[in-house]
Amino acid sequence: MKNVKALPFYNDLSDEAKNHILRTHQTHTFEVNTRISENHPEICQDFFIVTAGLIRVYRTTQDGKTVSLYDIEATKLCPKNIACLLRDEPYHAHAITKSQTTLITLPPSSVMTVLFKEPAFVRFMMNNVLGIMDTMMFHYEAMSFAPVKARIRMQLEKLSQGGMHRIIYTTHEDIAREIGATREAVSRHLKALEHAGTVELKRGKIKLLNPLQ
């Protein structure tokens, strides 16, 4: 979905809001592993909606550790982006594409003065934010109590968007950070999956050969 008219809430907007979006939106496409927050900070200063692909949002602690916050899939919003617009503050997080990603941006004024008056958009925004909160809680609980083997499979499922993408651009170290395990344990379990014919391991990427069991 790359056309602004295909946005889930578009058809329920007033004619004035539709015309405003058509006049002011811009479409951007980024390749995998593009650090949007660092290389394209203007994107995070605008309001954006992912229309295709996947973005990982994370923070870096003072001791250099990476803490994943959430993923943004197609037709999803970024809660940090919304908070920054409402509070008029910088985007204090990192955003990186995990696949080729297309998004639509709108100037903050369009959201504040036009879209926030539209019930369809407000419902869409609230459902998005609540959905991401539910996902974060489920992910935290699953990653906290599941064995390492199960956590790796859940992470691969997540990165492949349920098997839609056969090639996952990630490293053993990245997976270890995401699931709270050692790189050695992750590498050992991935090697077992490779020997079972489930995945093929390459430098910087993992290819799914068969469904994850």
C-alpha atoms as a PDB file:
ATOM      1  CA  MET A   1       0.000   0.000   0.000  1.00  0.00           C
ATOM      2  CA  LYS A   2       1.807   3.129  -1.203  1.00  0.00           C
ATOM      3  CA  ASN A   3      -1.137   5.331  -2.194  1.00  0.00           C
ATOM      4  CA  VAL A   4      -2.300   7.812   0.444  1.00  0.00           C
ATOM      5  CA  LYS A   5      -5.904   7.070  -0.552  1.00  0.00           C
ATOM      6  CA  ALA A   6      -5.427   3.486   0.661  1.00  0.00           C
ATOM      7  CA  LEU A   7      -4.799   4.570   4.261  1.00  0.00           C
ATOM      8  CA  PRO A   8      -7.288   2.756   6.547  1.00  0.00           C
ATOM      9  CA  PHE A   9      -8.951   5.959   7.735  1.00  0.00           C
ATOM     10  CA  TYR A  10      -8.917   7.916   4.466  1.00  0.00           C
ATOM     11  CA  ASN A  11     -12.395   7.067   3.190  1.00  0.00           C
ATOM     12  CA  ASP A  12     -13.994   8.143   6.480  1.00  0.00           C
ATOM     13  CA  LEU A  13     -12.409  11.601   6.508  1.00  0.00           C
ATOM     14  CA  SER A  14     -14.245  14.767   5.603  1.00  0.00           C
ATOM     15  CA  ASP A  15     -13.691  16.122   2.081  1.00  0.00           C
ATOM     16  CA  GLU A  16     -11.683  18.995   3.553  1.00  0.00           C
ATOM     17  CA  ALA A  17      -9.324  16.611   5.359  1.00  0.00           C
ATOM     18  CA  LYS A  18      -8.930  14.390   2.273  1.00  0.00           C
ATOM     19  CA  ASN A  19      -7.985  17.349   0.094  1.00  0.00           C
ATOM     20  CA  HIS A  20      -5.573  18.619   2.737  1.00  0.00           C
ATOM     21  CA  ILE A  21      -3.778  15.265   2.933  1.00  0.00           C
ATOM     22  CA  LEU A  22      -3.553  14.993  -0.838  1.00  0.00           C
ATOM     23  CA  ARG A  23      -1.959  18.450  -1.011  1.00  0.00           C
ATOM     24  CA  THR A  24       0.522  18.122   1.850  1.00  0.00           C
ATOM     25  CA  HIS A  25       1.672  14.472   2.046  1.00  0.00           C
ATOM     26  CA  GLN A  26       4.994  13.143   0.789  1.00  0.00           C
ATOM     27  CA  THR A  27       6.046   9.549   0.087  1.00  0.00           C
ATOM     28  CA  HIS A  28       9.501   8.197   0.990  1.00  0.00           C
ATOM     29  CA  THR A  29      11.108   4.807   0.347  1.00  0.00           C
ATOM     30  CA  PHE A  30      14.180   3.535   2.226  1.00  0.00           C
ATOM     31  CA  GLU A  31      16.335   0.453   1.737  1.00  0.00           C
ATOM     32  CA  VAL A  32      16.944  -2.115   4.480  1.00  0.00           C
ATOM     33  CA  ASN A  33      19.093  -1.023   7.448  1.00  0.00           C
ATOM     34  CA  THR A  34      18.577   2.693   6.830  1.00  0.00           C
ATOM     35  CA  ARG A  35      18.956   4.606  10.094  1.00  0.00           C
ATOM     36  CA  ILE A  36      16.105   7.049   9.579  1.00  0.00           C
ATOM     37  CA  SER A  37      16.508   8.955  12.840  1.00  0.00           C
ATOM     38  CA  GLU A  38      20.188   9.678  12.139  1.00  0.00           C
ATOM     39  CA  ASN A  39      20.328   9.972   8.341  1.00  0.00           C
ATOM     40  CA  HIS A  40      16.871  11.470   7.732  1.00  0.00           C
ATOM     41  CA  PRO A  41      15.943  13.341  10.952  1.00  0.00           C
ATOM     42  CA  GLU A  42      13.386  15.446   9.086  1.00  0.00           C
ATOM     43  CA  ILE A  43      11.201  12.333   8.783  1.00  0.00           C
ATOM     44  CA  CYS A  44      10.888  12.048  12.565  1.00  0.00           C
ATOM     45  CA  GLN A  45      10.080  15.743  12.832  1.00  0.00           C
ATOM     46  CA  ASP A  46       7.032  15.181  10.620  1.00  0.00           C
ATOM     47  CA  PHE A  47       4.112  12.856  11.288  1.00  0.00           C
ATOM     48  CA  PHE A  48       4.669   9.533   9.498  1.00  0.00           C
ATOM     49  CA  ILE A  49       2.716   6.383   8.709  1.00  0.00           C
ATOM     50  CA  VAL A  50       4.438   3.214   7.479  1.00  0.00           C
ATOM     51  CA  THR A  51       2.703   1.919   4.358  1.00  0.00           C
ATOM     52  CA  ALA A  52       5.041  -0.978   3.509  1.00  0.00           C
ATOM     53  CA  GLY A  53       7.963  -2.686   5.221  1.00  0.00           C
ATOM     54  CA  LEU A  54       9.152  -2.700   8.829  1.00  0.00           C
ATOM     55  CA  ILE A  55      10.876  -0.205  11.137  1.00  0.00           C
ATOM     56  CA  ARG A  56      12.544  -1.108  14.442  1.00  0.00           C
ATOM     57  CA  VAL A  57      12.497   1.589  17.142  1.00  0.00           C
ATOM     58  CA  TYR A  58      15.060   1.238  19.924  1.00  0.00           C
ATOM     59  CA  ARG A  59      17.059   3.170  22.493  1.00  0.00           C
ATOM     60  CA  THR A  60      20.697   2.933  23.552  1.00  0.00           C
ATOM     61  CA  THR A  61      21.546   2.897  27.262  1.00  0.00           C
ATOM     62  CA  GLN A  62      24.422   4.820  28.806  1.00  0.00           C
ATOM     63  CA  ASP A  63      26.558   1.670  28.874  1.00  0.00           C
ATOM     64  CA  GLY A  64      25.981   1.139  25.153  1.00  0.00           C
ATOM     65  CA  LYS A  65      23.344  -1.593  25.301  1.00  0.00           C
ATOM     66  CA  THR A  66      20.516  -1.584  22.766  1.00  0.00           C
ATOM     67  CA  VAL A  67      16.959  -1.847  24.083  1.00  0.00           C
ATOM     68  CA  SER A  68      14.276  -2.606  21.502  1.00  0.00           C
ATOM     69  CA  LEU A  69      11.046  -0.658  22.070  1.00  0.00           C
ATOM     70  CA  TYR A  70       8.722  -1.839  19.287  1.00  0.00           C
ATOM     71  CA  ASP A  71       8.364  -2.522  15.557  1.00  0.00           C
ATOM     72  CA  ILE A  72       6.264  -0.463  13.160  1.00  0.00           C
ATOM     73  CA  GLU A  73       4.622  -2.490  10.390  1.00  0.00           C
ATOM     74  CA  ALA A  74       2.496  -1.409   7.425  1.00  0.00           C
ATOM     75  CA  THR A  75      -0.450   0.881   8.322  1.00  0.00           C
ATOM     76  CA  LYS A  76       1.034   1.417  11.786  1.00  0.00           C
ATOM     77  CA  LEU A  77       2.031   4.590  13.615  1.00  0.00           C
ATOM     78  CA  CYS A  78       5.004   5.356  15.841  1.00  0.00           C
ATOM     79  CA  PRO A  79       3.947   6.300  19.413  1.00  0.00           C
ATOM     80  CA  LYS A  80       7.242   8.161  19.931  1.00  0.00           C
ATOM     81  CA  ASN A  81       6.553  10.189  16.797  1.00  0.00           C
ATOM     82  CA  ILE A  82       3.070  11.114  18.042  1.00  0.00           C
ATOM     83  CA  ALA A  83       4.414  12.018  21.497  1.00  0.00           C
ATOM     84  CA  CYS A  84       7.065  14.269  19.943  1.00  0.00           C
ATOM     85  CA  LEU A  85       4.444  16.153  17.931  1.00  0.00           C
ATOM     86  CA  LEU A  86       2.155  16.601  20.929  1.00  0.00           C
ATOM     87  CA  ARG A  87       4.966  17.700  23.250  1.00  0.00           C
ATOM     88  CA  ASP A  88       6.972  19.579  20.610  1.00  0.00           C
ATOM     89  CA  GLU A  89      10.172  17.773  21.579  1.00  0.00           C
ATOM     90  CA  PRO A  90      12.976  15.909  19.735  1.00  0.00           C
ATOM     91  CA  TYR A  91      12.706  12.248  18.758  1.00  0.00           C
ATOM     92  CA  HIS A  92      14.674  10.613  21.612  1.00  0.00           C
ATOM     93  CA  ALA A  93      14.972   7.168  20.040  1.00  0.00           C
ATOM     94  CA  HIS A  94      16.535   5.412  17.062  1.00  0.00           C
ATOM     95  CA  ALA A  95      14.572   4.135  14.060  1.00  0.00           C
ATOM     96  CA  ILE A  96      16.059   1.683  11.554  1.00  0.00           C
ATOM     97  CA  THR A  97      14.410  -0.114   8.631  1.00  0.00           C
ATOM     98  CA  LYS A  98      14.453  -3.930   8.817  1.00  0.00           C
ATOM     99  CA  SER A  99      13.280  -4.322   5.214  1.00  0.00           C
ATOM    100  CA  GLN A 100      12.681  -1.989   2.290  1.00  0.00           C
ATOM    101  CA  THR A 101      10.201   0.465   3.760  1.00  0.00           C
ATOM    102  CA  THR A 102       7.808   3.054   2.365  1.00  0.00           C
ATOM    103  CA  LEU A 103       6.165   5.681   4.509  1.00  0.00           C
ATOM    104  CA  ILE A 104       3.960   8.726   4.097  1.00  0.00           C
ATOM    105  CA  THR A 105       4.751  11.951   5.940  1.00  0.00           C
ATOM    106  CA  LEU A 106       2.542  14.905   6.794  1.00  0.00           C
ATOM    107  CA  PRO A 107       3.616  18.241   8.313  1.00  0.00           C
ATOM    108  CA  PRO A 108       2.764  18.540  12.032  1.00  0.00           C
ATOM    109  CA  SER A 109       0.328  21.365  11.281  1.00  0.00           C
ATOM    110  CA  SER A 110      -1.780  18.981   9.176  1.00  0.00           C
ATOM    111  CA  VAL A 111      -2.164  16.627  12.112  1.00  0.00           C
ATOM    112  CA  MET A 112      -2.692  19.233  14.818  1.00  0.00           C
ATOM    113  CA  THR A 113      -5.143  21.481  12.975  1.00  0.00           C
ATOM    114  CA  VAL A 114      -6.895  19.065  10.608  1.00  0.00           C
ATOM    115  CA  LEU A 115      -6.610  15.349  11.427  1.00  0.00           C
ATOM    116  CA  PHE A 116      -7.082  15.641  15.186  1.00  0.00           C
ATOM    117  CA  LYS A 117     -10.563  17.010  14.418  1.00  0.00           C
ATOM    118  CA  GLU A 118     -11.438  13.874  12.435  1.00  0.00           C
ATOM    119  CA  PRO A 119     -13.041  11.044  14.500  1.00  0.00           C
ATOM    120  CA  ALA A 120     -11.851   8.411  11.998  1.00  0.00           C
ATOM    121  CA  PHE A 121      -8.233   9.440  12.380  1.00  0.00           C
ATOM    122  CA  VAL A 122      -8.420   9.700  16.179  1.00  0.00           C
ATOM    123  CA  ARG A 123      -9.847   6.146  16.373  1.00  0.00           C
ATOM    124  CA  PHE A 124      -7.128   4.909  14.020  1.00  0.00           C
ATOM    125  CA  MET A 125      -4.420   6.572  16.124  1.00  0.00           C
ATOM    126  CA  MET A 126      -5.719   5.257  19.451  1.00  0.00           C
ATOM    127  CA  ASN A 127      -6.143   1.700  18.132  1.00  0.00           C
ATOM    128  CA  ASN A 128      -2.569   1.816  16.823  1.00  0.00           C
ATOM    129  CA  VAL A 129      -1.059   3.021  20.079  1.00  0.00           C
ATOM    130  CA  LEU A 130      -3.046   0.540  22.198  1.00  0.00           C
ATOM    131  CA  GLY A 131      -2.137  -2.270  19.797  1.00  0.00           C
ATOM    132  CA  ILE A 132       1.573  -1.531  20.116  1.00  0.00           C
ATOM    133  CA  MET A 133       1.279  -1.410  23.913  1.00  0.00           C
ATOM    134  CA  ASP A 134      -0.407  -4.834  23.920  1.00  0.00           C
ATOM    135  CA  THR A 135       2.300  -6.222  21.638  1.00  0.00           C
ATOM    136  CA  MET A 136       5.074  -4.818  23.838  1.00  0.00           C
ATOM    137  CA  MET A 137       3.548  -6.409  26.953  1.00  0.00           C
ATOM    138  CA  PHE A 138       3.078  -9.773  25.218  1.00  0.00           C
ATOM    139  CA  HIS A 139       6.632  -9.641  23.835  1.00  0.00           C
ATOM    140  CA  TYR A 140       8.068  -8.778  27.258  1.00  0.00           C
ATOM    141  CA  GLU A 141       6.230 -11.625  28.985  1.00  0.00           C
ATOM    142  CA  ALA A 142       7.128 -14.139  26.271  1.00  0.00           C
ATOM    143  CA  MET A 143      10.779 -13.129  26.169  1.00  0.00           C
ATOM    144  CA  SER A 144      11.056 -13.124  29.968  1.00  0.00           C
ATOM    145  CA  PHE A 145       9.782 -16.637  30.611  1.00  0.00           C
ATOM    146  CA  ALA A 146      10.273 -18.687  27.420  1.00  0.00           C
ATOM    147  CA  PRO A 147      13.417 -20.825  26.867  1.00  0.00           C
ATOM    148  CA  VAL A 148      16.124 -19.408  24.568  1.00  0.00           C
ATOM    149  CA  LYS A 149      15.168 -21.760  21.724  1.00  0.00           C
ATOM    150  CA  ALA A 150      11.553 -20.557  21.787  1.00  0.00           C
ATOM    151  CA  ARG A 151      12.625 -16.907  22.059  1.00  0.00           C
ATOM    152  CA  ILE A 152      14.804 -17.262  18.958  1.00  0.00           C
ATOM    153  CA  ARG A 153      11.925 -18.749  16.978  1.00  0.00           C
ATOM    154  CA  MET A 154       9.585 -15.971  18.139  1.00  0.00           C
ATOM    155  CA  GLN A 155      12.146 -13.364  17.129  1.00  0.00           C
ATOM    156  CA  LEU A 156      12.603 -14.918  13.679  1.00  0.00           C
ATOM    157  CA  GLU A 157       8.822 -15.044  13.251  1.00  0.00           C
ATOM    158  CA  LYS A 158       8.615 -11.386  14.196  1.00  0.00           C
ATOM    159  CA  LEU A 159      11.441 -10.260  11.916  1.00  0.00           C
ATOM    160  CA  SER A 160      10.050 -12.243   8.986  1.00  0.00           C
ATOM    161  CA  GLN A 161       6.551 -10.849   9.673  1.00  0.00           C
ATOM    162  CA  GLY A 162       5.104 -14.285  10.166  1.00  0.00           C
ATOM    163  CA  GLY A 163       7.124 -15.854   7.348  1.00  0.00           C
ATOM    164  CA  MET A 164       6.184 -13.262   4.718  1.00  0.00           C
ATOM    165  CA  HIS A 165       9.857 -12.359   4.216  1.00  0.00           C
ATOM    166  CA  ARG A 166      12.138 -15.326   3.563  1.00  0.00           C
ATOM    167  CA  ILE A 167      15.336 -13.330   4.099  1.00  0.00           C
ATOM    168  CA  ILE A 168      15.910 -11.640   7.461  1.00  0.00           C
ATOM    169  CA  TYR A 169      18.656  -9.037   7.683  1.00  0.00           C
ATOM    170  CA  THR A 170      20.045  -9.447  11.190  1.00  0.00           C
ATOM    171  CA  THR A 171      23.021 -10.854  13.091  1.00  0.00           C
ATOM    172  CA  HIS A 172      23.407 -13.360  15.900  1.00  0.00           C
ATOM    173  CA  GLU A 173      24.470 -10.506  18.178  1.00  0.00           C
ATOM    174  CA  ASP A 174      21.368  -8.463  17.291  1.00  0.00           C
ATOM    175  CA  ILE A 175      19.076 -11.394  18.078  1.00  0.00           C
ATOM    176  CA  ALA A 176      20.901 -11.998  21.366  1.00  0.00           C
ATOM    177  CA  ARG A 177      20.365  -8.372  22.399  1.00  0.00           C
ATOM    178  CA  GLU A 178      16.699  -8.479  21.436  1.00  0.00           C
ATOM    179  CA  ILE A 179      15.849 -11.645  23.371  1.00  0.00           C
ATOM    180  CA  GLY A 180      18.163 -11.160  26.357  1.00  0.00           C
ATOM    181  CA  ALA A 181      20.465 -14.117  25.678  1.00  0.00           C
ATOM    182  CA  THR A 182      24.183 -14.612  25.005  1.00  0.00           C
ATOM    183  CA  ARG A 183      25.458 -14.527  21.430  1.00  0.00           C
ATOM    184  CA  GLU A 184      26.978 -17.985  21.947  1.00  0.00           C
ATOM    185  CA  ALA A 185      23.602 -19.479  22.918  1.00  0.00           C
ATOM    186  CA  VAL A 186      21.889 -17.841  19.946  1.00  0.00           C
ATOM    187  CA  SER A 187      24.566 -19.074  17.520  1.00  0.00           C
ATOM    188  CA  ARG A 188      24.279 -22.612  18.902  1.00  0.00           C
ATOM    189  CA  HIS A 189      20.503 -22.741  18.444  1.00  0.00           C
ATOM    190  CA  LEU A 190      20.665 -21.148  14.980  1.00  0.00           C
ATOM    191  CA  LYS A 191      23.237 -23.749  13.929  1.00  0.00           C
ATOM    192  CA  ALA A 192      20.827 -26.440  15.090  1.00  0.00           C
ATOM    193  CA  LEU A 193      18.077 -24.888  12.955  1.00  0.00           C
ATOM    194  CA  GLU A 194      20.461 -24.828   9.995  1.00  0.00           C
ATOM    195  CA  HIS A 195      21.369 -28.493  10.460  1.00  0.00           C
ATOM    196  CA  ALA A 196      17.632 -29.283  10.578  1.00  0.00           C
ATOM    197  CA  GLY A 197      17.182 -27.542   7.207  1.00  0.00           C
ATOM    198  CA  THR A 198      14.985 -24.794   8.640  1.00  0.00           C
ATOM    199  CA  VAL A 199      17.303 -21.852   7.955  1.00  0.00           C
ATOM    200  CA  GLU A 200      20.404 -20.977   5.976  1.00  0.00           C
ATOM    201  CA  LEU A 201      22.876 -18.750   7.809  1.00  0.00           C
ATOM    202  CA  LYS A 202      24.765 -16.059   5.901  1.00  0.00           C
ATOM    203  CA  ARG A 203      26.813 -13.086   7.049  1.00  0.00           C
ATOM    204  CA  GLY A 204      24.371 -10.419   8.195  1.00  0.00           C
ATOM    205  CA  LYS A 205      21.254 -12.336   7.156  1.00  0.00           C
ATOM    206  CA  ILE A 206      19.231 -15.496   7.747  1.00  0.00           C
ATOM    207  CA  LYS A 207      17.239 -17.222   5.016  1.00  0.00           C
ATOM    208  CA  LEU A 208      14.132 -19.155   6.012  1.00  0.00           C
ATOM    209  CA  LEU A 209      13.999 -22.453   4.121  1.00  0.00           C
ATOM    210  CA  ASN A 210      11.074 -24.092   5.909  1.00  0.00           C
ATOM    211  CA  PRO A 211       8.368 -22.964   8.345  1.00  0.00           C
ATOM    212  CA  LEU A 212       9.554 -22.488  11.912  1.00  0.00           C
ATOM    213  CA  GLN A 213       8.268 -25.274  14.155  1.00  0.00           C
END
